[in-house]
PDB file of N, CA and C in Angstrom:
ATOM      1  N   MET A   1    -179.152 -54.382 -26.485  1.00  0.00           N
ATOM      2  CA  MET A   1    -178.980 -55.140 -27.707  1.00  0.00           C
ATOM      3  C   MET A   1    -179.831 -54.585 -28.841  1.00  0.00           C
ATOM      4  N   ARG A   2    -180.924 -53.989 -28.479  1.00  0.00           N
ATOM      5  CA  ARG A   2    -181.819 -53.448 -29.499  1.00  0.00           C
ATOM      6  C   ARG A   2    -181.118 -52.361 -30.324  1.00  0.00           C
ATOM      7  N   GLN A   3    -180.306 -51.544 -29.648  1.00  0.00           N
ATOM      8  CA  GLN A   3    -179.561 -50.496 -30.354  1.00  0.00           C
ATOM      9  C   GLN A   3    -178.527 -51.110 -31.288  1.00  0.00           C
ATOM     10  N   GLU A   4    -177.881 -52.186 -30.832  1.00  0.00           N
ATOM     11  CA  GLU A   4    -176.890 -52.867 -31.671  1.00  0.00           C
ATOM     12  C   GLU A   4    -177.554 -53.427 -32.917  1.00  0.00           C
ATOM     13  N   THR A   5    -178.715 -54.045 -32.729  1.00  0.00           N
ATOM     14  CA  THR A   5    -179.457 -54.610 -33.857  1.00  0.00           C
ATOM     15  C   THR A   5    -179.821 -53.506 -34.843  1.00  0.00           C
ATOM     16  N   SER A   6    -180.333 -52.421 -34.322  1.00  0.00           N
ATOM     17  CA  SER A   6    -180.731 -51.299 -35.162  1.00  0.00           C
ATOM     18  C   SER A   6    -179.524 -50.713 -35.906  1.00  0.00           C
ATOM     19  N   ALA A   7    -178.400 -50.600 -35.227  1.00  0.00           N
ATOM     20  CA  ALA A   7    -177.192 -50.055 -35.853  1.00  0.00           C
ATOM     21  C   ALA A   7    -176.702 -50.964 -36.975  1.00  0.00           C
ATOM     22  N   LEU A   8    -176.754 -52.274 -36.758  1.00  0.00           N
ATOM     23  CA  LEU A   8    -176.329 -53.210 -37.809  1.00  0.00           C
ATOM     24  C   LEU A   8    -177.257 -53.123 -39.016  1.00  0.00           C
ATOM     25  N   ILE A   9    -178.554 -53.041 -38.768  1.00  0.00           N
ATOM     26  CA  ILE A   9    -179.513 -52.926 -39.870  1.00  0.00           C
ATOM     27  C   ILE A   9    -179.264 -51.638 -40.649  1.00  0.00           C
ATOM     28  N   ASP A  10    -179.036 -50.546 -39.941  1.00  0.00           N
ATOM     29  CA  ASP A  10    -178.751 -49.272 -40.601  1.00  0.00           C
ATOM     30  C   ASP A  10    -177.483 -49.362 -41.452  1.00  0.00           C
ATOM     31  N   GLU A  11    -176.462 -50.020 -40.921  1.00  0.00           N
ATOM     32  CA  GLU A  11    -175.204 -50.145 -41.650  1.00  0.00           C
ATOM     33  C   GLU A  11    -175.368 -51.011 -42.895  1.00  0.00           C
ATOM     34  N   ILE A  12    -176.112 -52.099 -42.778  1.00  0.00           N
ATOM     35  CA  ILE A  12    -176.385 -52.963 -43.927  1.00  0.00           C
ATOM     36  C   ILE A  12    -177.151 -52.176 -44.989  1.00  0.00           C
ATOM     37  N   TYR A  13    -178.139 -51.435 -44.559  1.00  0.00           N
ATOM     38  CA  TYR A  13    -178.941 -50.622 -45.481  1.00  0.00           C
ATOM     39  C   TYR A  13    -178.064 -49.604 -46.215  1.00  0.00           C
ATOM     40  N   GLN A  14    -177.212 -48.913 -45.474  1.00  0.00           N
ATOM     41  CA  GLN A  14    -176.359 -47.891 -46.082  1.00  0.00           C
ATOM     42  C   GLN A  14    -175.382 -48.509 -47.078  1.00  0.00           C
ATOM     43  N   LEU A  15    -174.774 -49.632 -46.720  1.00  0.00           N
ATOM     44  CA  LEU A  15    -173.854 -50.304 -47.637  1.00  0.00           C
ATOM     45  C   LEU A  15    -174.580 -50.777 -48.899  1.00  0.00           C
ATOM     46  N   THR A  16    -175.805 -51.259 -48.720  1.00  0.00           N
ATOM     47  CA  THR A  16    -176.594 -51.708 -49.864  1.00  0.00           C
ATOM     48  C   THR A  16    -176.898 -50.533 -50.792  1.00  0.00           C
ATOM     49  N   LEU A  17    -177.224 -49.397 -50.213  1.00  0.00           N
ATOM     50  CA  LEU A  17    -177.446 -48.201 -51.033  1.00  0.00           C
ATOM     51  C   LEU A  17    -176.162 -47.803 -51.765  1.00  0.00           C
ATOM     52  N   ASP A  18    -175.045 -47.852 -51.058  1.00  0.00           N
ATOM     53  CA  ASP A  18    -173.757 -47.517 -51.666  1.00  0.00           C
ATOM     54  C   ASP A  18    -173.452 -48.439 -52.840  1.00  0.00           C
ATOM     55  N   MET A  19    -173.786 -49.708 -52.699  1.00  0.00           N
ATOM     56  CA  MET A  19    -173.491 -50.678 -53.757  1.00  0.00           C
ATOM     57  C   MET A  19    -174.258 -50.358 -55.036  1.00  0.00           C
ATOM     58  N   SER A  20    -175.418 -49.735 -54.900  1.00  0.00           N
ATOM     59  CA  SER A  20    -176.211 -49.418 -56.093  1.00  0.00           C
ATOM     60  C   SER A  20    -175.543 -48.356 -56.966  1.00  0.00           C
ATOM     61  N   LYS A  21    -174.535 -47.674 -56.428  1.00  0.00           N
ATOM     62  CA  LYS A  21    -173.835 -46.633 -57.183  1.00  0.00           C
ATOM     63  C   LYS A  21    -172.744 -47.197 -58.090  1.00  0.00           C
ATOM     64  N   TYR A  22    -172.417 -48.475 -57.898  1.00  0.00           N
ATOM     65  CA  TYR A  22    -171.330 -49.082 -58.663  1.00  0.00           C
ATOM     66  C   TYR A  22    -171.867 -49.817 -59.884  1.00  0.00           C
ATOM     67  N   SER A  23    -171.044 -49.857 -60.904  1.00  0.00           N
ATOM     68  CA  SER A  23    -171.391 -50.584 -62.117  1.00  0.00           C
ATOM     69  C   SER A  23    -170.502 -51.826 -62.210  1.00  0.00           C
ATOM     70  N   PRO A  24    -171.086 -53.026 -62.099  1.00  0.00           N
ATOM     71  CA  PRO A  24    -170.278 -54.247 -62.121  1.00  0.00           C
ATOM     72  C   PRO A  24    -169.526 -54.461 -63.438  1.00  0.00           C
ATOM     73  N   GLU A  25    -169.927 -53.747 -64.470  1.00  0.00           N
ATOM     74  CA  GLU A  25    -169.249 -53.878 -65.759  1.00  0.00           C
ATOM     75  C   GLU A  25    -167.871 -53.200 -65.751  1.00  0.00           C
ATOM     76  N   LEU A  26    -167.706 -52.200 -64.887  1.00  0.00           N
ATOM     77  CA  LEU A  26    -166.434 -51.493 -64.800  1.00  0.00           C
ATOM     78  C   LEU A  26    -165.508 -52.230 -63.835  1.00  0.00           C
ATOM     79  N   GLU A  27    -164.280 -52.470 -64.269  1.00  0.00           N
ATOM     80  CA  GLU A  27    -163.345 -53.274 -63.480  1.00  0.00           C
ATOM     81  C   GLU A  27    -163.088 -52.683 -62.092  1.00  0.00           C
ATOM     82  N   LYS A  28    -162.862 -51.364 -62.022  1.00  0.00           N
ATOM     83  CA  LYS A  28    -162.591 -50.755 -60.720  1.00  0.00           C
ATOM     84  C   LYS A  28    -163.823 -50.826 -59.814  1.00  0.00           C
ATOM     85  N   ASP A  29    -164.993 -50.668 -60.377  1.00  0.00           N
ATOM     86  CA  ASP A  29    -166.226 -50.775 -59.596  1.00  0.00           C
ATOM     87  C   ASP A  29    -166.474 -52.218 -59.154  1.00  0.00           C
ATOM     88  N   LYS A  30    -166.099 -53.147 -60.002  1.00  0.00           N
ATOM     89  CA  LYS A  30    -166.313 -54.559 -59.687  1.00  0.00           C
ATOM     90  C   LYS A  30    -165.573 -54.954 -58.409  1.00  0.00           C
ATOM     91  N   ALA A  31    -164.337 -54.525 -58.282  1.00  0.00           N
ATOM     92  CA  ALA A  31    -163.539 -54.841 -57.092  1.00  0.00           C
ATOM     93  C   ALA A  31    -164.144 -54.181 -55.850  1.00  0.00           C
ATOM     94  N   GLU A  32    -164.544 -52.943 -55.964  1.00  0.00           N
ATOM     95  CA  GLU A  32    -165.144 -52.218 -54.839  1.00  0.00           C
ATOM     96  C   GLU A  32    -166.479 -52.856 -54.451  1.00  0.00           C
ATOM     97  N   LEU A  33    -167.239 -53.251 -55.442  1.00  0.00           N
ATOM     98  CA  LEU A  33    -168.523 -53.890 -55.197  1.00  0.00           C
ATOM     99  C   LEU A  33    -168.341 -55.215 -54.451  1.00  0.00           C
ATOM    100  N   GLU A  34    -167.340 -55.978 -54.831  1.00  0.00           N
ATOM    101  CA  GLU A  34    -167.058 -57.242 -54.149  1.00  0.00           C
ATOM    102  C   GLU A  34    -166.693 -57.006 -52.679  1.00  0.00           C
ATOM    103  N   LEU A  35    -165.923 -55.956 -52.405  1.00  0.00           N
ATOM    104  CA  LEU A  35    -165.588 -55.619 -51.019  1.00  0.00           C
ATOM    105  C   LEU A  35    -166.834 -55.260 -50.215  1.00  0.00           C
ATOM    106  N   LYS A  36    -167.692 -54.454 -50.811  1.00  0.00           N
ATOM    107  CA  LYS A  36    -168.928 -54.051 -50.131  1.00  0.00           C
ATOM    108  C   LYS A  36    -169.823 -55.269 -49.875  1.00  0.00           C
ATOM    109  N   GLN A  37    -169.889 -56.169 -50.846  1.00  0.00           N
ATOM    110  CA  GLN A  37    -170.706 -57.372 -50.672  1.00  0.00           C
ATOM    111  C   GLN A  37    -170.184 -58.221 -49.517  1.00  0.00           C
ATOM    112  N   GLU A  38    -168.875 -58.317 -49.397  1.00  0.00           N
ATOM    113  CA  GLU A  38    -168.282 -59.076 -48.305  1.00  0.00           C
ATOM    114  C   GLU A  38    -168.594 -58.406 -46.966  1.00  0.00           C
ATOM    115  N   GLU A  39    -168.526 -57.088 -46.926  1.00  0.00           N
ATOM    116  CA  GLU A  39    -168.858 -56.354 -45.698  1.00  0.00           C
ATOM    117  C   GLU A  39    -170.305 -56.617 -45.290  1.00  0.00           C
ATOM    118  N   VAL A  40    -171.202 -56.588 -46.264  1.00  0.00           N
ATOM    119  CA  VAL A  40    -172.613 -56.828 -45.993  1.00  0.00           C
ATOM    120  C   VAL A  40    -172.818 -58.261 -45.488  1.00  0.00           C
ATOM    121  N   ARG A  41    -172.133 -59.211 -46.089  1.00  0.00           N
ATOM    122  CA  ARG A  41    -172.257 -60.607 -45.668  1.00  0.00           C
ATOM    123  C   ARG A  41    -171.836 -60.760 -44.201  1.00  0.00           C
ATOM    124  N   ILE A  42    -170.729 -60.138 -43.842  1.00  0.00           N
ATOM    125  CA  ILE A  42    -170.228 -60.200 -42.467  1.00  0.00           C
ATOM    126  C   ILE A  42    -171.222 -59.542 -41.504  1.00  0.00           C
ATOM    127  N   LEU A  43    -171.767 -58.413 -41.900  1.00  0.00           N
ATOM    128  CA  LEU A  43    -172.744 -57.723 -41.051  1.00  0.00           C
ATOM    129  C   LEU A  43    -174.004 -58.564 -40.862  1.00  0.00           C
ATOM    130  N   TRP A  44    -174.442 -59.255 -41.920  1.00  0.00           N
ATOM    131  CA  TRP A  44    -175.612 -60.135 -41.791  1.00  0.00           C
ATOM    132  C   TRP A  44    -175.329 -61.257 -40.799  1.00  0.00           C
ATOM    133  N   GLU A  45    -174.121 -61.795 -40.834  1.00  0.00           N
ATOM    134  CA  GLU A  45    -173.735 -62.840 -39.884  1.00  0.00           C
ATOM    135  C   GLU A  45    -173.768 -62.304 -38.451  1.00  0.00           C
ATOM    136  N   GLN A  46    -173.232 -61.105 -38.264  1.00  0.00           N
ATOM    137  CA  GLN A  46    -173.234 -60.493 -36.930  1.00  0.00           C
ATOM    138  C   GLN A  46    -174.665 -60.260 -36.452  1.00  0.00           C
ATOM    139  N   LEU A  47    -175.511 -59.802 -37.353  1.00  0.00           N
ATOM    140  CA  LEU A  47    -176.909 -59.552 -37.010  1.00  0.00           C
ATOM    141  C   LEU A  47    -177.601 -60.857 -36.622  1.00  0.00           C
ATOM    142  N   ALA A  48    -177.356 -61.910 -37.378  1.00  0.00           N
ATOM    143  CA  ALA A  48    -177.958 -63.214 -37.069  1.00  0.00           C
ATOM    144  C   ALA A  48    -177.509 -63.702 -35.694  1.00  0.00           C
ATOM    145  N   GLU A  49    -176.229 -63.564 -35.395  1.00  0.00           N
ATOM    146  CA  GLU A  49    -175.712 -63.974 -34.084  1.00  0.00           C
ATOM    147  C   GLU A  49    -176.356 -63.162 -32.965  1.00  0.00           C
ATOM    148  N   LEU A  50    -176.498 -61.875 -33.194  1.00  0.00           N
ATOM    149  CA  LEU A  50    -177.095 -61.001 -32.185  1.00  0.00           C
ATOM    150  C   LEU A  50    -178.562 -61.362 -31.942  1.00  0.00           C
ATOM    151  N   VAL A  51    -179.295 -61.579 -33.001  1.00  0.00           N
ATOM    152  CA  VAL A  51    -180.714 -61.925 -32.870  1.00  0.00           C
ATOM    153  C   VAL A  51    -180.861 -63.281 -32.178  1.00  0.00           C
ATOM    154  N   CYS A  52    -180.026 -64.238 -32.534  1.00  0.00           N
ATOM    155  CA  CYS A  52    -180.068 -65.555 -31.880  1.00  0.00           C
ATOM    156  C   CYS A  52    -179.748 -65.430 -30.392  1.00  0.00           C
ATOM    157  N   ALA A  53    -178.781 -64.602 -30.055  1.00  0.00           N
ATOM    158  CA  ALA A  53    -178.395 -64.409 -28.655  1.00  0.00           C
ATOM    159  C   ALA A  53    -179.540 -63.787 -27.849  1.00  0.00           C
ATOM    160  N   GLU A  54    -180.320 -62.935 -28.491  1.00  0.00           N
ATOM    161  CA  GLU A  54    -181.450 -62.293 -27.811  1.00  0.00           C
ATOM    162  C   GLU A  54    -182.544 -63.302 -27.469  1.00  0.00           C
ATOM    163  N   HIS A  55    -182.651 -64.348 -28.259  1.00  0.00           N
ATOM    164  CA  HIS A  55    -183.750 -65.296 -28.095  1.00  0.00           C
ATOM    165  C   HIS A  55    -183.335 -66.584 -27.401  1.00  0.00           C
ATOM    166  N   VAL A  56    -182.151 -66.591 -26.822  1.00  0.00           N
ATOM    167  CA  VAL A  56    -181.687 -67.794 -26.105  1.00  0.00           C
ATOM    168  C   VAL A  56    -181.903 -67.628 -24.631  1.00  0.00           C
TER     169      VAL A  56
END
């Protein structure tokens, strides 16, 4: 599980870095940014579930 946790953290970090390349003022970037934010939200949920499962 430790590898899964680490992989999720790495993926969240990479997506967050990717999001910094977008400009929310630009319409095409705004849509892409919203998709990335949703991906990050889902990954955070998965990470929370994984961490909770480790401590049960």
